Protein backbone atom coordinates (compact mmCIF):
# COMPACT_ATOMS: atom_id res chain seq x y z
CA MET A 1 91.57 96.16 133.99
CA TYR A 2 91.98 92.73 132.43
CA ASN A 3 94.21 89.68 132.69
CA LEU A 4 95.25 87.35 129.91
CA ASP A 5 95.61 83.68 130.71
CA LYS A 6 97.36 82.16 127.71
CA ILE A 7 97.04 78.62 129.03
CA THR A 8 93.26 78.57 129.52
CA ARG A 9 92.84 81.09 126.68
CA ARG A 10 90.65 83.34 128.82
CA VAL A 11 90.54 87.07 129.28
CA LYS A 12 89.50 88.02 132.80
CA VAL A 13 87.81 91.41 133.02
CA MET A 14 86.99 93.43 136.12
CA ILE A 15 83.55 95.05 135.99
CA GLY A 16 82.09 96.73 139.04
CA GLY A 17 84.63 95.04 141.30
CA ARG A 18 83.81 91.51 140.04
CA GLU A 19 85.87 89.34 137.73
CA TYR A 20 84.33 87.85 134.58
CA ALA A 21 86.09 85.38 132.28
CA LEU A 22 85.73 85.73 128.51
CA ALA A 23 86.66 83.01 126.03
CA PHE A 24 85.89 81.89 122.51
CA SER A 25 85.77 78.13 122.00
CA LEU A 26 84.93 76.56 118.65
CA SER A 27 81.27 76.26 119.70
CA SER A 28 81.30 79.89 120.87
CA LEU A 29 82.56 81.01 117.48
CA GLN A 30 79.92 78.92 115.75
CA GLU A 31 77.27 80.60 117.88
CA LEU A 32 78.75 84.01 117.10
CA GLU A 33 78.59 83.20 113.40
CA LYS A 34 74.87 82.40 113.72
CA TYR A 35 74.30 85.96 114.90
CA LEU A 36 76.84 87.86 112.81
CA GLY A 37 77.39 85.82 109.69
CA ASN A 38 80.89 84.97 108.50
CA ILE A 39 83.17 85.99 111.36
CA ASN A 40 86.19 86.06 109.06
CA THR A 41 84.84 89.31 107.63
CA LEU A 42 85.26 90.96 111.04
CA PHE A 43 88.99 90.78 110.45
CA THR A 44 89.22 91.26 106.70
CA ARG A 45 86.90 94.22 106.15
CA GLY A 46 89.27 96.63 107.87
CA GLU A 47 86.58 98.24 110.03
CA ILE A 48 85.85 98.39 113.71
CA PRO A 49 83.02 95.98 114.61
CA THR A 50 79.62 97.58 115.12
CA LEU A 51 78.22 98.02 118.62
CA ASN A 52 75.74 95.21 117.95
CA GLU A 53 78.60 92.91 116.91
CA LEU A 54 80.63 93.84 120.01
CA VAL A 55 77.71 93.31 122.39
CA THR A 56 76.82 89.97 120.83
CA ALA A 57 80.46 88.85 120.89
CA PHE A 58 80.92 89.91 124.52
CA TRP A 59 77.75 88.03 125.55
CA ILE A 60 78.90 84.87 123.77
CA ALA A 61 82.43 85.23 125.18
CA LEU A 62 80.92 85.46 128.68
CA LYS A 63 79.17 82.15 128.02
CA GLY A 64 82.44 80.72 126.68
CA GLY A 65 84.08 81.81 129.91
CA GLY A 66 81.50 79.90 131.95
CA ARG A 67 79.01 82.68 132.71
CA ASN A 68 75.69 81.65 131.18
CA MET A 69 73.30 84.60 131.21
CA GLU A 70 70.49 86.10 129.21
CA LYS A 71 71.55 88.63 126.60
CA LYS A 72 69.69 91.45 128.39
CA ASP A 73 71.70 90.72 131.55
CA ALA A 74 74.91 90.72 129.52
CA GLU A 75 73.88 94.05 127.95
CA SER A 76 73.55 95.56 131.44
CA LEU A 77 77.01 94.25 132.32
CA ILE A 78 78.43 95.61 129.05
CA SER A 79 76.87 99.02 129.80
CA SER A 80 78.66 99.03 133.15
CA PHE A 81 81.89 98.01 131.43
CA CYS A 82 81.60 100.83 128.88
CA ARG A 83 80.80 103.41 131.55
CA GLU A 84 83.87 102.31 133.47
CA TYR A 85 86.35 101.81 130.60
CA GLY A 86 84.78 103.14 127.40
CA LEU A 87 83.68 101.71 124.09
CA GLU A 88 87.26 101.64 122.82
CA LYS A 89 88.19 99.12 125.54
CA LEU A 90 85.17 96.98 124.61
CA THR A 91 86.56 96.82 121.08
CA GLU A 92 90.04 96.01 122.41
CA ILE A 93 88.66 93.23 124.63
CA PHE A 94 86.89 91.70 121.61
CA PHE A 95 90.08 91.52 119.54
CA VAL A 96 92.23 90.35 122.46
CA THR A 97 89.74 87.60 123.38
CA PHE A 98 89.54 86.46 119.76
CA ALA A 99 93.32 86.47 119.38
CA LEU A 100 93.77 84.57 122.62
CA SER A 101 91.38 81.86 121.39
CA GLY A 102 94.08 80.77 118.93
CA PHE A 103 91.65 80.20 116.08
CA LEU A 104 93.40 82.76 113.91
CA GLY A 105 96.60 80.70 114.02
CA LYS A 106 99.68 81.49 116.07
CA LYS A 107 101.17 84.13 113.78
CA THR A 108 97.99 86.14 113.31
CA SER A 109 96.96 85.76 116.96
CA ASP A 110 100.39 86.98 118.13
CA GLU A 111 100.25 89.96 115.75
CA LEU A 112 96.78 90.91 116.98
CA LEU A 113 97.85 90.62 120.62
CA LYS A 114 100.91 92.78 119.93
CA GLN A 115 98.66 95.40 118.34
CA PHE A 116 96.48 95.74 121.43
CA VAL A 117 98.60 94.56 124.37
CA LYS A 118 101.57 96.88 124.78
CA ASP A 119 104.73 95.60 126.49
CA GLU A 120 104.64 98.35 129.10
CA ASP A 121 101.06 97.36 130.00
CA VAL A 122 101.85 93.67 130.51
CA LYS A 123 103.15 92.10 133.69
CA GLU A 124 104.13 88.47 133.42
CA LEU A 125 104.41 86.11 136.38
CA SER A 126 107.95 84.94 136.86
CA GLU A 127 108.67 81.41 135.69
CA ASN A 128 109.52 80.52 139.29
CA ASN A 129 106.10 81.54 140.57
CA SER A 130 104.14 79.90 137.79
CA SER A 131 106.06 76.63 137.92
CA LYS A 132 106.09 76.43 141.73
CA ASN A 133 102.37 76.96 141.91
CA GLY A 134 101.62 74.87 138.86
CA LYS A 135 99.69 77.82 137.46
CA ALA A 136 99.57 79.17 133.96
CA ALA A 137 101.71 82.10 132.93
CA LYS A 138 99.42 85.10 132.82
CA HIS A 139 99.54 88.63 131.44
CA HIS A 140 97.88 91.50 133.28
CA LYS A 141 96.63 94.75 131.84
């Protein structure tokens, strides 16, 4: 359903047979904060983000991953994603993308990834393959 690229800090999601990259850069997080207010509260309030927060974050993460689109177009894509995988996976993708960004610090990011990405769901490229090809080590889910 999605791949984690820890080198480029992108989550690649399959929606309707197409791959979309999601990423939060510093400027992406600043944009997210314009819409949602203090993003630190998303992690300290102990609640699941609202649907509006998830949709806005997914739209901005799409832009961070290189897919610039209008919010209404992103909403259509998100609807397809939710019909295919469910709202719970949208929430998971949000937290995984944020953790992969690294802006929570290594310890917190690793803990968040461990919470959502289970060992049995992750396949890692062998070191031989990634070093021979010069490609980043990736996780697949």
